[in-house]
Amino acid sequence: MSIVLKPQPLTRAAFAPYGDVIEISGAQHYPINENTTERYHDLAAVDVVAEGGRPLINFFRGQPRPLPIAIRLMERHPLGSQAFYPLQERGYLVVVADPQKKLTPAALRAFRATGQQGVNYARNVWHHPLLVLEPDSDFLVLDRGGGGENLEEIWFEESAQIFLET
């Protein structure tokens, strides 16, 4: 079996089953700090403190994968959400699957994010690890720290050839 995933533009509506798109375009905003700052408010439903967790702020520096990008592994976090926001104006790719359905290659969806969009994967959403298109792509990541097993990984069988169109 061979599947080629074609990334669609990342929009709030298309990504809603998997979490939040973090972007200022269309967000509620208002001035603060004596009108010297514009606050873009409540951009994602961060869920990292349940069951004794605590928020972690991390810095990830990603490297591109060899082309064509093979999708072999998916992961999810059952105890909390995980948010990624790019620190450079560089697009990247996102691959997800519905947590309510069986994880199969046919269930995967791909999105193309701009360098002005982040993603917040909701708790238990299957997603591929970071997929950057340029070397040394930096992200601010909000994750869950604390006890418990918060990482589940599934590797696809080698016979499942899943490639991501760039």
C-alpha atoms as a PDB file:
ATOM      1  CA  MET A   1       0.000   0.000   0.000  1.00  0.00           C
ATOM      2  CA  SER A   2       1.312   3.444  -0.902  1.00  0.00           C
ATOM      3  CA  ILE A   3      -0.268   6.729   0.208  1.00  0.00           C
ATOM      4  CA  VAL A   4       0.794  10.275  -0.650  1.00  0.00           C
ATOM      5  CA  LEU A   5      -0.519  12.888   1.792  1.00  0.00           C
ATOM      6  CA  LYS A   6      -1.173  16.286   0.225  1.00  0.00           C
ATOM      7  CA  PRO A   7      -1.063  19.055   2.818  1.00  0.00           C
ATOM      8  CA  GLN A   8      -4.001  21.436   2.909  1.00  0.00           C
ATOM      9  CA  PRO A   9      -3.726  25.007   4.195  1.00  0.00           C
ATOM     10  CA  LEU A  10      -3.906  25.157   7.989  1.00  0.00           C
ATOM     11  CA  THR A  11      -7.136  26.879   9.043  1.00  0.00           C
ATOM     12  CA  ARG A  12      -8.943  27.033  12.380  1.00  0.00           C
ATOM     13  CA  ALA A  13     -11.997  25.250  10.970  1.00  0.00           C
ATOM     14  CA  ALA A  14     -10.089  22.411   9.295  1.00  0.00           C
ATOM     15  CA  PHE A  15      -7.852  21.824  12.322  1.00  0.00           C
ATOM     16  CA  ALA A  16     -10.613  22.094  14.983  1.00  0.00           C
ATOM     17  CA  PRO A  17     -11.040  18.298  15.446  1.00  0.00           C
ATOM     18  CA  TYR A  18      -7.344  18.073  16.425  1.00  0.00           C
ATOM     19  CA  GLY A  19      -6.824  21.179  18.558  1.00  0.00           C
ATOM     20  CA  ASP A  20      -6.216  24.874  17.953  1.00  0.00           C
ATOM     21  CA  VAL A  21      -4.474  26.992  15.357  1.00  0.00           C
ATOM     22  CA  ILE A  22      -2.493  29.665  17.190  1.00  0.00           C
ATOM     23  CA  GLU A  23      -2.457  32.878  15.147  1.00  0.00           C
ATOM     24  CA  ILE A  24      -3.287  36.517  15.619  1.00  0.00           C
ATOM     25  CA  SER A  25      -5.271  36.794  12.389  1.00  0.00           C
ATOM     26  CA  GLY A  26      -8.930  36.888  13.403  1.00  0.00           C
ATOM     27  CA  ALA A  27      -8.156  36.640  17.138  1.00  0.00           C
ATOM     28  CA  GLN A  28      -9.828  38.686  19.873  1.00  0.00           C
ATOM     29  CA  HIS A  29      -7.493  41.527  20.793  1.00  0.00           C
ATOM     30  CA  TYR A  30      -7.392  44.726  22.792  1.00  0.00           C
ATOM     31  CA  PRO A  31      -4.860  47.309  23.997  1.00  0.00           C
ATOM     32  CA  ILE A  32      -3.116  46.965  27.370  1.00  0.00           C
ATOM     33  CA  ASN A  33      -0.190  48.585  29.213  1.00  0.00           C
ATOM     34  CA  GLU A  34      -1.332  52.158  28.707  1.00  0.00           C
ATOM     35  CA  ASN A  35      -2.097  51.456  25.022  1.00  0.00           C
ATOM     36  CA  THR A  36       1.500  50.484  24.253  1.00  0.00           C
ATOM     37  CA  THR A  37       0.757  46.798  23.698  1.00  0.00           C
ATOM     38  CA  GLU A  38      -1.877  44.887  21.756  1.00  0.00           C
ATOM     39  CA  ARG A  39      -2.984  41.698  23.551  1.00  0.00           C
ATOM     40  CA  TYR A  40      -4.188  38.814  21.373  1.00  0.00           C
ATOM     41  CA  HIS A  41      -6.246  36.896  23.874  1.00  0.00           C
ATOM     42  CA  ASP A  42      -6.948  33.206  24.583  1.00  0.00           C
ATOM     43  CA  LEU A  43      -5.419  31.718  21.433  1.00  0.00           C
ATOM     44  CA  ALA A  44      -5.470  28.044  22.487  1.00  0.00           C
ATOM     45  CA  ALA A  45      -7.084  25.697  25.001  1.00  0.00           C
ATOM     46  CA  VAL A  46      -3.934  24.707  26.862  1.00  0.00           C
ATOM     47  CA  ASP A  47      -4.512  21.549  28.907  1.00  0.00           C
ATOM     48  CA  VAL A  48      -1.287  20.680  30.739  1.00  0.00           C
ATOM     49  CA  VAL A  49      -2.025  20.901  34.465  1.00  0.00           C
ATOM     50  CA  ALA A  50      -4.612  18.103  34.854  1.00  0.00           C
ATOM     51  CA  GLU A  51      -3.736  15.086  37.000  1.00  0.00           C
ATOM     52  CA  GLY A  52      -0.851  16.797  38.796  1.00  0.00           C
ATOM     53  CA  GLY A  53       0.857  18.156  35.700  1.00  0.00           C
ATOM     54  CA  ARG A  54       2.631  21.454  35.358  1.00  0.00           C
ATOM     55  CA  PRO A  55       3.393  23.628  32.340  1.00  0.00           C
ATOM     56  CA  LEU A  56       6.785  23.308  30.668  1.00  0.00           C
ATOM     57  CA  ILE A  57       8.106  25.926  28.269  1.00  0.00           C
ATOM     58  CA  ASN A  58      10.574  24.365  25.855  1.00  0.00           C
ATOM     59  CA  PHE A  59      12.621  25.408  22.858  1.00  0.00           C
ATOM     60  CA  PHE A  60      12.808  22.933  19.941  1.00  0.00           C
ATOM     61  CA  ARG A  61      15.210  23.325  17.011  1.00  0.00           C
ATOM     62  CA  GLY A  62      14.063  21.131  14.128  1.00  0.00           C
ATOM     63  CA  GLN A  63      15.890  19.820  11.081  1.00  0.00           C
ATOM     64  CA  PRO A  64      14.309  18.786   7.768  1.00  0.00           C
ATOM     65  CA  ARG A  65      13.830  15.108   7.080  1.00  0.00           C
ATOM     66  CA  PRO A  66      15.122  13.463   3.903  1.00  0.00           C
ATOM     67  CA  LEU A  67      12.857  13.829   0.864  1.00  0.00           C
ATOM     68  CA  PRO A  68      10.438  12.355   0.159  1.00  0.00           C
ATOM     69  CA  ILE A  69       9.247  12.590   3.766  1.00  0.00           C
ATOM     70  CA  ALA A  70       8.199   9.137   4.940  1.00  0.00           C
ATOM     71  CA  ILE A  71       5.557   8.976   7.670  1.00  0.00           C
ATOM     72  CA  ARG A  72       6.462   6.019   9.878  1.00  0.00           C
ATOM     73  CA  LEU A  73       5.618   7.151  13.394  1.00  0.00           C
ATOM     74  CA  MET A  74       2.738   8.902  15.113  1.00  0.00           C
ATOM     75  CA  GLU A  75       2.567   9.968  18.743  1.00  0.00           C
ATOM     76  CA  ARG A  76       0.050  11.344  21.202  1.00  0.00           C
ATOM     77  CA  HIS A  77      -0.008  12.717  24.727  1.00  0.00           C
ATOM     78  CA  PRO A  78      -2.829  11.288  26.875  1.00  0.00           C
ATOM     79  CA  LEU A  79      -2.239  13.595  29.859  1.00  0.00           C
ATOM     80  CA  GLY A  80      -2.095  17.000  28.205  1.00  0.00           C
ATOM     81  CA  SER A  81      -2.040  19.188  25.152  1.00  0.00           C
ATOM     82  CA  GLN A  82       1.146  20.190  23.328  1.00  0.00           C
ATOM     83  CA  ALA A  83       1.548  23.576  21.618  1.00  0.00           C
ATOM     84  CA  PHE A  84       4.146  24.577  19.000  1.00  0.00           C
ATOM     85  CA  TYR A  85       4.743  28.136  17.814  1.00  0.00           C
ATOM     86  CA  PRO A  86       7.428  28.969  15.220  1.00  0.00           C
ATOM     87  CA  LEU A  87       9.972  31.613  16.173  1.00  0.00           C
ATOM     88  CA  GLN A  88      10.907  32.326  12.566  1.00  0.00           C
ATOM     89  CA  GLU A  89       8.872  33.151   9.485  1.00  0.00           C
ATOM     90  CA  ARG A  90       9.155  29.615   8.096  1.00  0.00           C
ATOM     91  CA  GLY A  91       6.402  27.282   6.990  1.00  0.00           C
ATOM     92  CA  TYR A  92       6.241  23.731   8.283  1.00  0.00           C
ATOM     93  CA  LEU A  93       4.038  20.649   7.918  1.00  0.00           C
ATOM     94  CA  VAL A  94       1.581  19.039  10.332  1.00  0.00           C
ATOM     95  CA  VAL A  95       0.220  15.471  10.171  1.00  0.00           C
ATOM     96  CA  VAL A  96      -2.620  14.418  12.483  1.00  0.00           C
ATOM     97  CA  ALA A  97      -5.276  11.748  12.954  1.00  0.00           C
ATOM     98  CA  ASP A  98      -8.582  11.733  14.816  1.00  0.00           C
ATOM     99  CA  PRO A  99      -8.128  10.315  18.338  1.00  0.00           C
ATOM    100  CA  GLN A 100     -11.652   8.840  18.258  1.00  0.00           C
ATOM    101  CA  LYS A 101     -10.860   6.576  15.292  1.00  0.00           C
ATOM    102  CA  LYS A 102      -8.444   3.701  14.796  1.00  0.00           C
ATOM    103  CA  LEU A 103      -5.027   4.983  13.714  1.00  0.00           C
ATOM    104  CA  THR A 104      -4.443   3.827  10.150  1.00  0.00           C
ATOM    105  CA  PRO A 105      -2.526   5.365   7.246  1.00  0.00           C
ATOM    106  CA  ALA A 106      -5.852   6.216   5.585  1.00  0.00           C
ATOM    107  CA  ALA A 107      -6.904   8.246   8.663  1.00  0.00           C
ATOM    108  CA  LEU A 108      -4.014  10.725   8.390  1.00  0.00           C
ATOM    109  CA  ARG A 109      -4.538  14.378   7.453  1.00  0.00           C
ATOM    110  CA  ALA A 110      -1.794  16.809   6.509  1.00  0.00           C
ATOM    111  CA  PHE A 111      -1.649  20.596   6.786  1.00  0.00           C
ATOM    112  CA  ARG A 112       0.775  23.286   5.646  1.00  0.00           C
ATOM    113  CA  ALA A 113       1.327  25.918   8.353  1.00  0.00           C
ATOM    114  CA  THR A 114       2.729  29.364   7.700  1.00  0.00           C
ATOM    115  CA  GLY A 115       5.496  30.875   9.806  1.00  0.00           C
ATOM    116  CA  GLN A 116       2.802  32.940  11.540  1.00  0.00           C
ATOM    117  CA  GLN A 117       0.738  29.978  12.734  1.00  0.00           C
ATOM    118  CA  GLY A 118       1.238  27.624  15.631  1.00  0.00           C
ATOM    119  CA  VAL A 119      -0.661  24.503  16.568  1.00  0.00           C
ATOM    120  CA  ASN A 120      -1.947  23.222  19.875  1.00  0.00           C
ATOM    121  CA  TYR A 121      -2.541  19.479  19.686  1.00  0.00           C
ATOM    122  CA  ALA A 122      -5.422  18.581  21.996  1.00  0.00           C
ATOM    123  CA  ARG A 123      -4.959  15.817  24.532  1.00  0.00           C
ATOM    124  CA  ASN A 124      -4.808  12.366  22.868  1.00  0.00           C
ATOM    125  CA  VAL A 125      -4.579  13.671  19.281  1.00  0.00           C
ATOM    126  CA  TRP A 126      -2.292  11.554  17.106  1.00  0.00           C
ATOM    127  CA  HIS A 127       0.355  13.714  15.456  1.00  0.00           C
ATOM    128  CA  HIS A 128       3.669  13.294  13.731  1.00  0.00           C
ATOM    129  CA  PRO A 129       6.769  14.712  15.427  1.00  0.00           C
ATOM    130  CA  LEU A 130       7.955  18.106  14.182  1.00  0.00           C
ATOM    131  CA  LEU A 131       8.170  18.383  10.364  1.00  0.00           C
ATOM    132  CA  VAL A 132      10.203  21.416   9.351  1.00  0.00           C
ATOM    133  CA  LEU A 133      11.228  22.393   5.834  1.00  0.00           C
ATOM    134  CA  GLU A 134      14.345  24.463   6.592  1.00  0.00           C
ATOM    135  CA  PRO A 135      17.406  23.761   8.766  1.00  0.00           C
ATOM    136  CA  ASP A 136      17.503  25.090  12.312  1.00  0.00           C
ATOM    137  CA  SER A 137      13.776  25.895  12.492  1.00  0.00           C
ATOM    138  CA  ASP A 138      13.023  27.093  16.018  1.00  0.00           C
ATOM    139  CA  PHE A 139       9.797  26.624  17.991  1.00  0.00           C
ATOM    140  CA  LEU A 140       8.554  27.627  21.407  1.00  0.00           C
ATOM    141  CA  VAL A 141       6.749  24.571  22.813  1.00  0.00           C
ATOM    142  CA  LEU A 142       4.307  24.459  25.715  1.00  0.00           C
ATOM    143  CA  ASP A 143       4.085  20.937  27.068  1.00  0.00           C
ATOM    144  CA  ARG A 144       3.124  19.010  30.197  1.00  0.00           C
ATOM    145  CA  GLY A 145       5.580  18.088  32.923  1.00  0.00           C
ATOM    146  CA  GLY A 146       4.864  15.848  35.872  1.00  0.00           C
ATOM    147  CA  GLY A 147       4.214  12.221  36.685  1.00  0.00           C
ATOM    148  CA  GLY A 148       2.499   9.634  34.559  1.00  0.00           C
ATOM    149  CA  GLU A 149       3.064   8.285  31.072  1.00  0.00           C
ATOM    150  CA  ASN A 150       2.354  11.161  28.699  1.00  0.00           C
ATOM    151  CA  LEU A 151       3.746   9.729  25.463  1.00  0.00           C
ATOM    152  CA  GLU A 152       2.334   6.961  23.312  1.00  0.00           C
ATOM    153  CA  GLU A 153       3.993   6.092  19.994  1.00  0.00           C
ATOM    154  CA  ILE A 154       2.819   3.879  17.153  1.00  0.00           C
ATOM    155  CA  TRP A 155       5.041   2.822  14.280  1.00  0.00           C
ATOM    156  CA  PHE A 156       3.376   1.864  11.005  1.00  0.00           C
ATOM    157  CA  GLU A 157       4.271  -1.470   9.420  1.00  0.00           C
ATOM    158  CA  GLU A 158       7.085  -1.237   6.888  1.00  0.00           C
ATOM    159  CA  SER A 159       4.674  -2.348   4.170  1.00  0.00           C
ATOM    160  CA  ALA A 160       2.686   0.860   4.679  1.00  0.00           C
ATOM    161  CA  GLN A 161       4.462   3.403   2.503  1.00  0.00           C
ATOM    162  CA  ILE A 162       3.186   6.828   3.496  1.00  0.00           C
ATOM    163  CA  PHE A 163       4.835   9.879   1.978  1.00  0.00           C
ATOM    164  CA  LEU A 164       4.177  13.534   2.577  1.00  0.00           C
ATOM    165  CA  GLU A 165       4.101  15.878  -0.386  1.00  0.00           C
ATOM    166  CA  THR A 166       6.174  18.964   0.241  1.00  0.00           C
END
